[in-house]
Amino acid sequence: MAETAVPATAHEKNLSLRTSPAGQLKAAFETGSVQGVVELREVAFLTMAGVRVDRDSEAGRRIASVVGGLPAACGDVAGVGETSVLWLGPQEFLVIAPAEAHESLGGDLILALTEALADGQGQVVDLSANRTTFELTGPKARGVLEKGNSLDLHPRAFTAGTAVSTEVGNIPVVLWKTGEDSFRLFPRASFAEFLGRWLLDSMREYASPEVP
């Protein structure tokens, strides 16, 4: 006897209807990537929270205990496990965690941060829908970024584990070097398509068989 499929709940239906800011470019990212040279993809629906707090205050220490620490200076990244905290300013941080940490999927990260702040001075804001994430990897990833970024991205100056606020292709982003040949870019959702197309255009030369 055939099993009867369980109807999807309203919650499951809503999740299935989600569209990422650069979802329309998924096929273009796949065809524009050159395996082993430079590859681009969107990492959609990550949980993100903006936190404003004095890291040396009691509230700051409570929040640090939730996320595994708060970075101390520009470029620093803290965190534990799959949760990372990027420094945006002396009292401003961007917390990044897997999609499952969001309350819409049963997670409690943002609630935990809010409870940790308690009545301390500061702010915790759910930014999960405010930005998306692009992951650019491969030995030519730095060359792609250097076409539209004024920072010195050479490994001697921009080491793995560094994250800064900057511009790529005239679009404001948080740029995080996650490995020797891997970067994550966090543009605001409204700029995602423009930046995605800019990155694809900058990658185009590496698809040529004449490029070593």
Protein backbone atom coordinates (compact mmCIF):
# COMPACT_ATOMS: atom_id res chain seq x y z
CA MET A 1 0.00 0.00 0.00
CA ALA A 2 1.46 3.32 -1.09
CA GLU A 3 2.35 5.77 1.64
CA THR A 4 0.45 9.04 1.70
CA ALA A 5 2.71 12.05 1.49
CA VAL A 6 2.59 14.32 4.50
CA PRO A 7 1.32 17.78 3.44
CA ALA A 8 3.88 20.53 3.78
CA THR A 9 3.29 22.90 6.65
CA ALA A 10 2.86 26.63 6.04
CA HIS A 11 6.34 27.12 7.49
CA GLU A 12 7.87 24.64 5.04
CA LYS A 13 6.01 26.23 2.13
CA ASN A 14 7.30 29.67 3.09
CA LEU A 15 10.89 28.40 3.24
CA SER A 16 10.55 26.74 -0.17
CA LEU A 17 9.48 30.07 -1.67
CA ARG A 18 12.56 31.95 -0.49
CA THR A 19 14.58 33.62 -3.25
CA SER A 20 18.14 34.67 -2.56
CA PRO A 21 19.31 38.13 -3.70
CA ALA A 22 21.49 36.63 -6.46
CA GLY A 23 19.48 33.48 -7.10
CA GLN A 24 18.85 34.50 -10.70
CA LEU A 25 22.61 34.34 -11.33
CA LYS A 26 23.15 30.77 -10.11
CA ALA A 27 23.49 29.29 -13.60
CA ALA A 28 25.73 32.16 -14.69
CA PHE A 29 27.99 31.60 -11.68
CA GLU A 30 28.32 27.94 -12.60
CA THR A 31 29.12 28.53 -16.27
CA GLY A 32 31.36 31.53 -15.51
CA SER A 33 33.48 29.63 -13.00
CA VAL A 34 36.68 27.94 -14.14
CA GLN A 35 37.39 24.90 -11.99
CA GLY A 36 40.78 25.06 -10.35
CA VAL A 37 41.28 28.66 -11.49
CA VAL A 38 38.52 30.88 -10.09
CA GLU A 39 35.03 29.91 -8.96
CA LEU A 40 32.09 31.98 -7.74
CA ARG A 41 28.97 31.00 -5.86
CA GLU A 42 26.35 32.56 -3.62
CA VAL A 43 26.12 31.19 -0.09
CA ALA A 44 22.49 32.08 0.53
CA PHE A 45 20.47 32.62 3.69
CA LEU A 46 23.26 32.72 6.24
CA THR A 47 22.20 34.00 9.65
CA MET A 48 23.63 37.47 10.27
CA ALA A 49 23.27 39.80 13.21
CA GLY A 50 24.54 43.32 13.66
CA VAL A 51 25.79 43.94 17.18
CA ARG A 52 26.67 47.27 18.74
CA VAL A 53 28.22 46.97 22.17
CA ASP A 54 31.31 47.96 24.14
CA ARG A 55 33.32 44.74 24.10
CA ASP A 56 34.83 45.60 27.49
CA SER A 57 31.46 46.12 29.19
CA GLU A 58 29.51 43.49 31.09
CA ALA A 59 27.07 43.27 28.15
CA GLY A 60 30.01 42.86 25.78
CA ARG A 61 31.41 40.02 27.83
CA ARG A 62 28.02 38.30 27.94
CA ILE A 63 27.67 38.55 24.16
CA ALA A 64 31.23 37.32 23.70
CA SER A 65 30.36 34.22 25.71
CA VAL A 66 27.53 33.46 23.24
CA VAL A 67 29.58 33.79 20.05
CA GLY A 68 33.03 32.76 21.25
CA GLY A 69 34.56 36.21 21.57
CA LEU A 70 34.46 39.67 20.03
CA PRO A 71 37.30 40.92 17.79
CA ALA A 72 39.47 43.67 19.25
CA ALA A 73 40.70 45.61 16.21
CA CYS A 74 40.11 46.39 12.55
CA GLY A 75 40.55 43.28 10.43
CA ASP A 76 40.15 40.86 13.32
CA VAL A 77 37.74 37.93 13.23
CA ALA A 78 36.62 36.04 16.34
CA GLY A 79 34.08 33.31 17.04
CA VAL A 80 33.85 29.61 17.65
CA GLY A 81 32.79 26.65 15.52
CA GLU A 82 30.63 27.78 12.61
CA THR A 83 29.91 31.17 14.16
CA SER A 84 32.21 34.05 13.21
CA VAL A 85 32.30 37.66 14.37
CA LEU A 86 33.76 40.34 12.09
CA TRP A 87 34.98 43.74 13.33
CA LEU A 88 33.17 46.65 11.67
CA GLY A 89 34.02 49.41 14.15
CA PRO A 90 35.21 49.98 17.73
CA GLN A 91 31.78 48.95 19.05
CA GLU A 92 30.22 47.39 15.94
CA PHE A 93 30.37 43.74 14.87
CA LEU A 94 28.83 41.44 12.28
CA VAL A 95 27.94 37.97 13.54
CA ILE A 96 27.72 35.28 10.84
CA ALA A 97 26.38 31.77 11.40
CA PRO A 98 24.80 28.94 9.38
CA ALA A 99 21.23 29.32 8.14
CA GLU A 100 20.06 26.82 10.76
CA ALA A 101 20.95 29.29 13.52
CA HIS A 102 18.06 31.55 12.47
CA GLU A 103 14.78 31.34 14.35
CA SER A 104 12.92 30.63 11.10
CA LEU A 105 14.69 27.25 11.06
CA GLY A 106 14.46 26.61 14.76
CA GLY A 107 17.70 28.32 15.78
CA ASP A 108 18.11 30.69 18.68
CA LEU A 109 21.29 32.68 17.98
CA ILE A 110 19.70 36.11 17.66
CA LEU A 111 17.48 35.49 20.67
CA ALA A 112 20.54 34.42 22.66
CA LEU A 113 22.38 37.59 21.63
CA THR A 114 19.40 39.75 22.57
CA GLU A 115 19.11 38.08 25.95
CA ALA A 116 22.85 38.45 26.52
CA LEU A 117 22.64 42.19 25.81
CA ALA A 118 19.79 42.38 28.35
CA ASP A 119 19.54 45.94 29.68
CA GLY A 120 23.10 46.83 28.70
CA GLN A 121 23.83 49.67 26.31
CA GLY A 122 23.93 48.45 22.73
CA GLN A 123 21.87 46.86 20.00
CA VAL A 124 21.28 43.49 18.36
CA VAL A 125 19.64 43.54 14.90
CA ASP A 126 18.73 40.62 12.64
CA LEU A 127 20.51 41.39 9.34
CA SER A 128 20.00 38.00 7.70
CA ALA A 129 17.90 39.51 4.90
CA ASN A 130 20.02 42.65 4.66
CA ARG A 131 23.06 41.06 3.01
CA THR A 132 23.99 38.03 0.98
CA THR A 133 27.28 36.17 0.69
CA PHE A 134 29.47 35.59 -2.35
CA GLU A 135 32.30 33.08 -2.14
CA LEU A 136 35.17 33.57 -4.57
CA THR A 137 37.83 30.87 -4.60
CA GLY A 138 40.84 29.76 -6.61
CA PRO A 139 44.36 30.99 -7.38
CA LYS A 140 42.98 33.82 -9.56
CA ALA A 141 40.42 35.04 -6.99
CA ARG A 142 42.75 37.79 -5.78
CA GLY A 143 43.33 38.93 -9.37
CA VAL A 144 39.59 39.27 -9.89
CA LEU A 145 39.18 41.42 -6.79
CA GLU A 146 42.19 43.59 -7.57
CA LYS A 147 40.42 44.87 -10.68
CA GLY A 148 37.97 46.79 -8.55
CA ASN A 149 39.47 47.18 -5.10
CA SER A 150 42.04 49.67 -3.81
CA LEU A 151 43.37 47.55 -0.94
CA ASP A 152 46.70 45.76 -1.05
CA LEU A 153 45.41 42.19 -1.27
CA HIS A 154 48.82 40.58 -1.45
CA PRO A 155 49.16 37.83 1.21
CA ARG A 156 51.88 39.79 2.99
CA ALA A 157 49.38 42.60 3.66
CA PHE A 158 45.99 40.86 3.62
CA THR A 159 46.37 37.60 5.46
CA ALA A 160 43.90 34.75 5.77
CA GLY A 161 41.46 35.44 8.57
CA THR A 162 41.27 39.18 7.90
CA ALA A 163 37.97 40.98 7.25
CA VAL A 164 37.48 44.67 6.41
CA SER A 165 34.84 47.04 5.11
CA THR A 166 35.78 48.20 1.62
CA GLU A 167 34.44 48.53 -1.94
CA VAL A 168 34.61 46.06 -4.81
CA GLY A 169 33.48 47.33 -8.19
CA ASN A 170 32.30 50.52 -6.43
CA ILE A 171 29.94 48.44 -4.27
CA PRO A 172 30.34 48.63 -0.47
CA VAL A 173 31.08 45.17 0.95
CA VAL A 174 32.61 43.45 3.91
CA LEU A 175 35.51 41.46 2.46
CA TRP A 176 36.73 38.45 4.42
CA LYS A 177 39.75 36.41 3.38
CA THR A 178 38.79 32.96 4.63
CA GLY A 179 41.81 31.09 3.24
CA GLU A 180 44.91 31.55 1.10
CA ASP A 181 42.83 31.46 -2.11
CA SER A 182 39.32 32.05 -0.80
CA PHE A 183 37.30 35.14 -0.06
CA ARG A 184 33.79 35.92 1.12
CA LEU A 185 32.08 39.15 0.15
CA PHE A 186 29.02 40.48 1.95
CA PRO A 187 27.17 43.06 -0.17
CA ARG A 188 23.79 44.47 0.74
CA ALA A 189 20.98 42.55 -0.94
CA SER A 190 20.05 45.46 -3.20
CA PHE A 191 23.56 45.46 -4.71
CA ALA A 192 23.87 41.68 -5.07
CA GLU A 193 22.96 41.36 -8.75
CA PHE A 194 25.19 44.25 -9.82
CA LEU A 195 28.18 42.94 -7.90
CA GLY A 196 27.55 39.38 -9.07
CA ARG A 197 27.61 40.49 -12.69
CA TRP A 198 30.69 42.63 -12.07
CA LEU A 199 32.54 39.63 -10.63
CA LEU A 200 31.49 37.45 -13.56
CA ASP A 201 32.78 40.04 -16.01
CA SER A 202 36.07 40.29 -14.11
CA MET A 203 36.44 36.50 -14.20
CA ARG A 204 35.89 36.26 -17.93
CA GLU A 205 39.53 36.56 -18.97
CA TYR A 206 40.44 33.48 -16.90
CA ALA A 207 38.11 31.35 -18.98
CA SER A 208 40.35 31.94 -22.02
CA PRO A 209 42.64 29.00 -22.90
CA GLU A 210 45.39 31.55 -23.52
CA VAL A 211 45.50 32.53 -19.85
CA PRO A 212 48.00 30.37 -17.91
